[in-house]
Amino acid sequence: MDADVFIEPIGRLMNEFSKLPGVGGKTAQRYAYRIIDMSESEAKAFADAILAAKRKVRFCKVCGNFTEEEVCSVCRTRDKSIVCVVKEPKDVIALEKIREFRGVYHVLHGVLDPMNGKSPDDIRVGELLARIKEGGVKEVIMATDTDVTGEATAMYIANLLKPLGITVTRIARGVPIGSELEYADEVTLTRALLERKEM
């Protein structure tokens, strides 16, 4: 981005915004101008919200989802016999919106992707196996994206879990092949969850 044609404070702001995923030069410029147009109290509230999120949000020590506490409310209150495995915390939000799932989650924080150096050691597969070995889990639902890496990750985990006597299911094909879970509509996600198939 050619931020050096702007005065330093605006160029610096644009440069920071452009580091966000999906934010190109034009969008970064719009965001920077919006910040400049804010009152000082609005800008302070915006900055405080960023800092508060950075300081307070952590990963749940059980499932890996975002929380403000050591263990999230889902892990504390829900049916631990069904574990839904997802790629990222944003996928938990997508599934929670449909209000159909009553189990708990396991967030991998990535998927297997040998081309980009992502092996089982780089995602939370070991933590999932540890949860299973503690006992009480009857079913694991693989709800990774339906693209190549998501499918490969689902198959890899299913192959690890089946010898342990765990039922492993996959969300149904209502989610289009190659799509990301967070962008699926609620009706499609509900159908995919309810019509899941054993792997």
C-alpha atoms as a PDB file:
ATOM      1  CA  MET A   1       0.000   0.000   0.000  1.00  0.00           C
ATOM      2  CA  ASP A   2       1.292   3.469  -0.884  1.00  0.00           C
ATOM      3  CA  ALA A   3       0.704   4.963   2.588  1.00  0.00           C
ATOM      4  CA  ASP A   4       3.780   7.218   2.269  1.00  0.00           C
ATOM      5  CA  VAL A   5       1.811   9.736   0.131  1.00  0.00           C
ATOM      6  CA  PHE A   6      -0.324  10.541   3.204  1.00  0.00           C
ATOM      7  CA  ILE A   7       0.802  12.531   6.216  1.00  0.00           C
ATOM      8  CA  GLU A   8       2.519  10.260   8.743  1.00  0.00           C
ATOM      9  CA  PRO A   9      -0.316   9.716  11.271  1.00  0.00           C
ATOM     10  CA  ILE A  10      -2.835   8.803   8.535  1.00  0.00           C
ATOM     11  CA  GLY A  11      -0.302   6.668   6.664  1.00  0.00           C
ATOM     12  CA  ARG A  12       0.544   4.818   9.873  1.00  0.00           C
ATOM     13  CA  LEU A  13      -3.143   4.230  10.649  1.00  0.00           C
ATOM     14  CA  MET A  14      -3.761   2.973   7.101  1.00  0.00           C
ATOM     15  CA  ASN A  15      -0.770   0.675   7.369  1.00  0.00           C
ATOM     16  CA  GLU A  16      -2.142  -0.880  10.595  1.00  0.00           C
ATOM     17  CA  PHE A  17      -5.625  -1.372   9.121  1.00  0.00           C
ATOM     18  CA  SER A  18      -4.150  -2.984   5.997  1.00  0.00           C
ATOM     19  CA  LYS A  19      -2.650  -5.719   8.189  1.00  0.00           C
ATOM     20  CA  LEU A  20      -6.182  -6.995   8.921  1.00  0.00           C
ATOM     21  CA  PRO A  21      -7.379  -9.895   6.730  1.00  0.00           C
ATOM     22  CA  GLY A  22      -9.456  -8.778   3.760  1.00  0.00           C
ATOM     23  CA  VAL A  23      -8.557  -5.092   4.176  1.00  0.00           C
ATOM     24  CA  GLY A  24      -6.984  -3.624   1.065  1.00  0.00           C
ATOM     25  CA  GLY A  25      -5.602  -0.137   0.484  1.00  0.00           C
ATOM     26  CA  LYS A  26      -8.923   1.587  -0.279  1.00  0.00           C
ATOM     27  CA  THR A  27     -10.677   0.041   2.720  1.00  0.00           C
ATOM     28  CA  ALA A  28      -7.729   0.910   4.996  1.00  0.00           C
ATOM     29  CA  GLN A  29      -7.944   4.503   3.757  1.00  0.00           C
ATOM     30  CA  ARG A  30     -11.712   4.623   4.472  1.00  0.00           C
ATOM     31  CA  TYR A  31     -11.175   3.212   7.957  1.00  0.00           C
ATOM     32  CA  ALA A  32      -8.384   5.705   8.679  1.00  0.00           C
ATOM     33  CA  TYR A  33     -10.530   8.639   7.544  1.00  0.00           C
ATOM     34  CA  ARG A  34     -13.409   7.369   9.682  1.00  0.00           C
ATOM     35  CA  ILE A  35     -11.142   7.347  12.730  1.00  0.00           C
ATOM     36  CA  ILE A  36     -10.002  10.913  11.964  1.00  0.00           C
ATOM     37  CA  ASP A  37     -13.671  11.986  11.718  1.00  0.00           C
ATOM     38  CA  MET A  38     -14.474  10.534  15.158  1.00  0.00           C
ATOM     39  CA  SER A  39     -14.607  12.712  18.234  1.00  0.00           C
ATOM     40  CA  GLU A  40     -11.756  12.138  20.663  1.00  0.00           C
ATOM     41  CA  SER A  41     -14.113  10.282  23.034  1.00  0.00           C
ATOM     42  CA  GLU A  42     -15.289   7.982  20.193  1.00  0.00           C
ATOM     43  CA  ALA A  43     -11.695   7.289  19.172  1.00  0.00           C
ATOM     44  CA  LYS A  44     -10.770   6.552  22.794  1.00  0.00           C
ATOM     45  CA  ALA A  45     -13.740   4.169  23.163  1.00  0.00           C
ATOM     46  CA  PHE A  46     -12.640   2.391  19.966  1.00  0.00           C
ATOM     47  CA  ALA A  47      -9.037   2.087  21.165  1.00  0.00           C
ATOM     48  CA  ASP A  48     -10.165   0.977  24.645  1.00  0.00           C
ATOM     49  CA  ALA A  49     -12.348  -1.763  23.110  1.00  0.00           C
ATOM     50  CA  ILE A  50      -9.354  -3.117  21.175  1.00  0.00           C
ATOM     51  CA  LEU A  51      -7.110  -3.092  24.243  1.00  0.00           C
ATOM     52  CA  ALA A  52      -9.793  -4.618  26.492  1.00  0.00           C
ATOM     53  CA  ALA A  53     -10.381  -7.467  24.022  1.00  0.00           C
ATOM     54  CA  LYS A  54      -6.636  -8.081  23.770  1.00  0.00           C
ATOM     55  CA  ARG A  55      -6.185  -8.099  27.552  1.00  0.00           C
ATOM     56  CA  LYS A  56      -9.312 -10.029  28.597  1.00  0.00           C
ATOM     57  CA  VAL A  57      -9.945 -12.602  25.867  1.00  0.00           C
ATOM     58  CA  ARG A  58      -8.155 -15.916  26.211  1.00  0.00           C
ATOM     59  CA  PHE A  59      -8.596 -19.483  25.018  1.00  0.00           C
ATOM     60  CA  CYS A  60     -10.671 -21.894  27.087  1.00  0.00           C
ATOM     61  CA  LYS A  61      -8.257 -24.454  28.530  1.00  0.00           C
ATOM     62  CA  VAL A  62     -10.677 -27.268  27.631  1.00  0.00           C
ATOM     63  CA  CYS A  63     -12.066 -26.509  24.171  1.00  0.00           C
ATOM     64  CA  GLY A  64      -9.837 -23.709  22.837  1.00  0.00           C
ATOM     65  CA  ASN A  65     -12.708 -21.294  22.167  1.00  0.00           C
ATOM     66  CA  PHE A  66     -12.556 -17.615  23.155  1.00  0.00           C
ATOM     67  CA  THR A  67     -13.513 -16.868  26.761  1.00  0.00           C
ATOM     68  CA  GLU A  68     -12.845 -14.405  29.561  1.00  0.00           C
ATOM     69  CA  GLU A  69     -12.553 -17.234  32.091  1.00  0.00           C
ATOM     70  CA  GLU A  70     -10.282 -20.237  32.417  1.00  0.00           C
ATOM     71  CA  VAL A  71     -13.084 -22.570  31.255  1.00  0.00           C
ATOM     72  CA  CYS A  72     -15.852 -21.240  28.977  1.00  0.00           C
ATOM     73  CA  SER A  73     -19.550 -21.414  29.860  1.00  0.00           C
ATOM     74  CA  VAL A  74     -20.240 -24.023  27.136  1.00  0.00           C
ATOM     75  CA  CYS A  75     -17.686 -26.431  28.622  1.00  0.00           C
ATOM     76  CA  ARG A  76     -19.041 -25.822  32.125  1.00  0.00           C
ATOM     77  CA  THR A  77     -22.747 -26.296  31.404  1.00  0.00           C
ATOM     78  CA  ARG A  78     -23.353 -28.462  28.340  1.00  0.00           C
ATOM     79  CA  ASP A  79     -23.512 -32.176  27.447  1.00  0.00           C
ATOM     80  CA  LYS A  80     -19.900 -33.360  27.352  1.00  0.00           C
ATOM     81  CA  SER A  81     -20.753 -36.665  25.652  1.00  0.00           C
ATOM     82  CA  ILE A  82     -20.960 -34.988  22.211  1.00  0.00           C
ATOM     83  CA  VAL A  83     -17.979 -32.979  20.989  1.00  0.00           C
ATOM     84  CA  CYS A  84     -18.180 -30.889  17.818  1.00  0.00           C
ATOM     85  CA  VAL A  85     -14.766 -30.299  16.238  1.00  0.00           C
ATOM     86  CA  VAL A  86     -14.299 -27.029  14.329  1.00  0.00           C
ATOM     87  CA  LYS A  87     -11.404 -25.187  12.734  1.00  0.00           C
ATOM     88  CA  GLU A  88     -11.652 -21.738  14.377  1.00  0.00           C
ATOM     89  CA  PRO A  89     -13.564 -19.931  17.159  1.00  0.00           C
ATOM     90  CA  LYS A  90     -15.652 -18.129  14.510  1.00  0.00           C
ATOM     91  CA  ASP A  91     -17.088 -21.542  13.538  1.00  0.00           C
ATOM     92  CA  VAL A  92     -18.394 -22.004  17.093  1.00  0.00           C
ATOM     93  CA  ILE A  93     -20.330 -18.736  16.705  1.00  0.00           C
ATOM     94  CA  ALA A  94     -21.798 -19.933  13.379  1.00  0.00           C
ATOM     95  CA  LEU A  95     -23.038 -23.169  14.965  1.00  0.00           C
ATOM     96  CA  GLU A  96     -24.296 -21.490  18.144  1.00  0.00           C
ATOM     97  CA  LYS A  97     -26.517 -19.177  16.070  1.00  0.00           C
ATOM     98  CA  ILE A  98     -28.660 -22.109  14.940  1.00  0.00           C
ATOM     99  CA  ARG A  99     -29.432 -23.065  18.579  1.00  0.00           C
ATOM    100  CA  GLU A 100     -29.651 -26.787  17.762  1.00  0.00           C
ATOM    101  CA  PHE A 101     -26.427 -28.150  19.223  1.00  0.00           C
ATOM    102  CA  ARG A 102     -26.387 -28.987  22.936  1.00  0.00           C
ATOM    103  CA  GLY A 103     -22.947 -30.559  23.191  1.00  0.00           C
ATOM    104  CA  VAL A 104     -19.499 -29.016  23.594  1.00  0.00           C
ATOM    105  CA  TYR A 105     -16.851 -27.912  21.108  1.00  0.00           C
ATOM    106  CA  HIS A 106     -13.213 -28.541  20.333  1.00  0.00           C
ATOM    107  CA  VAL A 107     -11.454 -25.801  18.376  1.00  0.00           C
ATOM    108  CA  LEU A 108      -8.450 -27.026  16.377  1.00  0.00           C
ATOM    109  CA  HIS A 109      -7.066 -23.555  15.530  1.00  0.00           C
ATOM    110  CA  GLY A 110      -6.248 -24.705  12.025  1.00  0.00           C
ATOM    111  CA  VAL A 111      -6.423 -27.745   9.779  1.00  0.00           C
ATOM    112  CA  LEU A 112      -3.910 -30.168   8.339  1.00  0.00           C
ATOM    113  CA  ASP A 113      -2.183 -28.481   5.424  1.00  0.00           C
ATOM    114  CA  PRO A 114       1.166 -30.099   4.495  1.00  0.00           C
ATOM    115  CA  MET A 115       1.661 -27.631   1.619  1.00  0.00           C
ATOM    116  CA  ASN A 116       1.790 -24.824   4.201  1.00  0.00           C
ATOM    117  CA  GLY A 117       3.604 -26.793   6.873  1.00  0.00           C
ATOM    118  CA  LYS A 118       0.569 -27.532   9.104  1.00  0.00           C
ATOM    119  CA  SER A 119       0.947 -30.962  10.699  1.00  0.00           C
ATOM    120  CA  PRO A 120      -1.063 -32.628  13.493  1.00  0.00           C
ATOM    121  CA  ASP A 121       1.394 -31.101  15.991  1.00  0.00           C
ATOM    122  CA  ASP A 122       0.423 -27.598  14.814  1.00  0.00           C
ATOM    123  CA  ILE A 123      -3.281 -27.979  15.560  1.00  0.00           C
ATOM    124  CA  ARG A 124      -5.068 -29.176  18.715  1.00  0.00           C
ATOM    125  CA  VAL A 125      -5.373 -32.878  17.830  1.00  0.00           C
ATOM    126  CA  GLY A 126      -3.415 -34.037  20.904  1.00  0.00           C
ATOM    127  CA  GLU A 127      -5.728 -32.053  23.175  1.00  0.00           C
ATOM    128  CA  LEU A 128      -8.760 -33.688  21.524  1.00  0.00           C
ATOM    129  CA  LEU A 129      -7.322 -37.167  22.092  1.00  0.00           C
ATOM    130  CA  ALA A 130      -6.638 -36.275  25.734  1.00  0.00           C
ATOM    131  CA  ARG A 131     -10.291 -35.221  26.171  1.00  0.00           C
ATOM    132  CA  ILE A 132     -11.494 -38.489  24.644  1.00  0.00           C
ATOM    133  CA  LYS A 133      -9.208 -40.558  26.882  1.00  0.00           C
ATOM    134  CA  GLU A 134     -10.676 -38.880  29.989  1.00  0.00           C
ATOM    135  CA  GLY A 135     -13.882 -40.781  29.143  1.00  0.00           C
ATOM    136  CA  GLY A 136     -17.534 -39.856  28.772  1.00  0.00           C
ATOM    137  CA  VAL A 137     -17.409 -38.858  25.083  1.00  0.00           C
ATOM    138  CA  LYS A 138     -19.766 -40.925  22.902  1.00  0.00           C
ATOM    139  CA  GLU A 139     -19.771 -38.962  19.640  1.00  0.00           C
ATOM    140  CA  VAL A 140     -17.406 -36.589  17.872  1.00  0.00           C
ATOM    141  CA  ILE A 141     -18.938 -34.468  15.109  1.00  0.00           C
ATOM    142  CA  MET A 142     -16.418 -33.320  12.504  1.00  0.00           C
ATOM    143  CA  ALA A 143     -17.542 -29.837  11.444  1.00  0.00           C
ATOM    144  CA  THR A 144     -14.414 -28.650   9.690  1.00  0.00           C
ATOM    145  CA  ASP A 145     -14.860 -26.800   6.388  1.00  0.00           C
ATOM    146  CA  THR A 146     -15.771 -28.919   3.376  1.00  0.00           C
ATOM    147  CA  ASP A 147     -12.705 -27.908   1.361  1.00  0.00           C
ATOM    148  CA  VAL A 148      -9.748 -30.256   0.727  1.00  0.00           C
ATOM    149  CA  THR A 149      -7.869 -29.460   3.936  1.00  0.00           C
ATOM    150  CA  GLY A 150     -11.029 -29.595   6.052  1.00  0.00           C
ATOM    151  CA  GLU A 151     -11.962 -32.994   4.619  1.00  0.00           C
ATOM    152  CA  ALA A 152      -8.416 -34.329   5.080  1.00  0.00           C
ATOM    153  CA  THR A 153      -8.412 -33.167   8.696  1.00  0.00           C
ATOM    154  CA  ALA A 154     -11.802 -34.780   9.348  1.00  0.00           C
ATOM    155  CA  MET A 155     -10.623 -38.097   7.898  1.00  0.00           C
ATOM    156  CA  TYR A 156      -7.345 -38.005   9.826  1.00  0.00           C
ATOM    157  CA  ILE A 157      -9.119 -37.408  13.154  1.00  0.00           C
ATOM    158  CA  ALA A 158     -11.814 -39.991  12.375  1.00  0.00           C
ATOM    159  CA  ASN A 159      -9.109 -42.605  11.759  1.00  0.00           C
ATOM    160  CA  LEU A 160      -7.530 -41.781  15.138  1.00  0.00           C
ATOM    161  CA  LEU A 161     -10.823 -41.948  17.041  1.00  0.00           C
ATOM    162  CA  LYS A 162     -12.523 -45.013  15.565  1.00  0.00           C
ATOM    163  CA  PRO A 163     -10.163 -47.519  17.263  1.00  0.00           C
ATOM    164  CA  LEU A 164     -11.124 -45.870  20.576  1.00  0.00           C
ATOM    165  CA  GLY A 165     -14.756 -46.924  20.087  1.00  0.00           C
ATOM    166  CA  ILE A 166     -16.018 -43.377  19.533  1.00  0.00           C
ATOM    167  CA  THR A 167     -18.782 -42.688  17.004  1.00  0.00           C
ATOM    168  CA  VAL A 168     -17.401 -40.134  14.534  1.00  0.00           C
ATOM    169  CA  THR A 169     -19.891 -38.258  12.354  1.00  0.00           C
ATOM    170  CA  ARG A 170     -19.451 -35.619   9.647  1.00  0.00           C
ATOM    171  CA  ILE A 171     -21.765 -32.685   9.049  1.00  0.00           C
ATOM    172  CA  ALA A 172     -24.001 -33.446   6.079  1.00  0.00           C
ATOM    173  CA  ARG A 173     -23.387 -32.102   2.598  1.00  0.00           C
ATOM    174  CA  GLY A 174     -25.909 -29.297   3.022  1.00  0.00           C
ATOM    175  CA  VAL A 175     -22.754 -27.212   3.371  1.00  0.00           C
ATOM    176  CA  PRO A 176     -21.428 -26.809  -0.198  1.00  0.00           C
ATOM    177  CA  ILE A 177     -18.118 -28.492  -1.022  1.00  0.00           C
ATOM    178  CA  GLY A 178     -15.226 -26.060  -0.682  1.00  0.00           C
ATOM    179  CA  SER A 179     -17.166 -23.556   1.419  1.00  0.00           C
ATOM    180  CA  GLU A 180     -16.294 -22.081   4.807  1.00  0.00           C
ATOM    181  CA  LEU A 181     -18.594 -22.867   7.713  1.00  0.00           C
ATOM    182  CA  GLU A 182     -18.857 -19.276   8.955  1.00  0.00           C
ATOM    183  CA  TYR A 183     -20.512 -18.180   5.687  1.00  0.00           C
ATOM    184  CA  ALA A 184     -23.181 -20.888   5.604  1.00  0.00           C
ATOM    185  CA  ASP A 185     -26.722 -19.717   6.341  1.00  0.00           C
ATOM    186  CA  GLU A 186     -28.462 -20.927   9.489  1.00  0.00           C
ATOM    187  CA  VAL A 187     -30.953 -23.219   7.709  1.00  0.00           C
ATOM    188  CA  THR A 188     -28.136 -24.958   5.816  1.00  0.00           C
ATOM    189  CA  LEU A 189     -26.083 -25.342   8.992  1.00  0.00           C
ATOM    190  CA  THR A 190     -29.053 -26.731  10.913  1.00  0.00           C
ATOM    191  CA  ARG A 191     -29.698 -29.324   8.208  1.00  0.00           C
ATOM    192  CA  ALA A 192     -25.981 -30.206   8.007  1.00  0.00           C
ATOM    193  CA  LEU A 193     -25.809 -30.719  11.768  1.00  0.00           C
ATOM    194  CA  LEU A 194     -29.047 -32.702  12.102  1.00  0.00           C
ATOM    195  CA  GLU A 195     -28.321 -34.895   9.058  1.00  0.00           C
ATOM    196  CA  ARG A 196     -24.734 -35.661   9.965  1.00  0.00           C
ATOM    197  CA  LYS A 197     -23.378 -39.047   8.792  1.00  0.00           C
ATOM    198  CA  GLU A 198     -21.114 -41.541  10.490  1.00  0.00           C
ATOM    199  CA  MET A 199     -17.595 -41.584   9.073  1.00  0.00           C
END
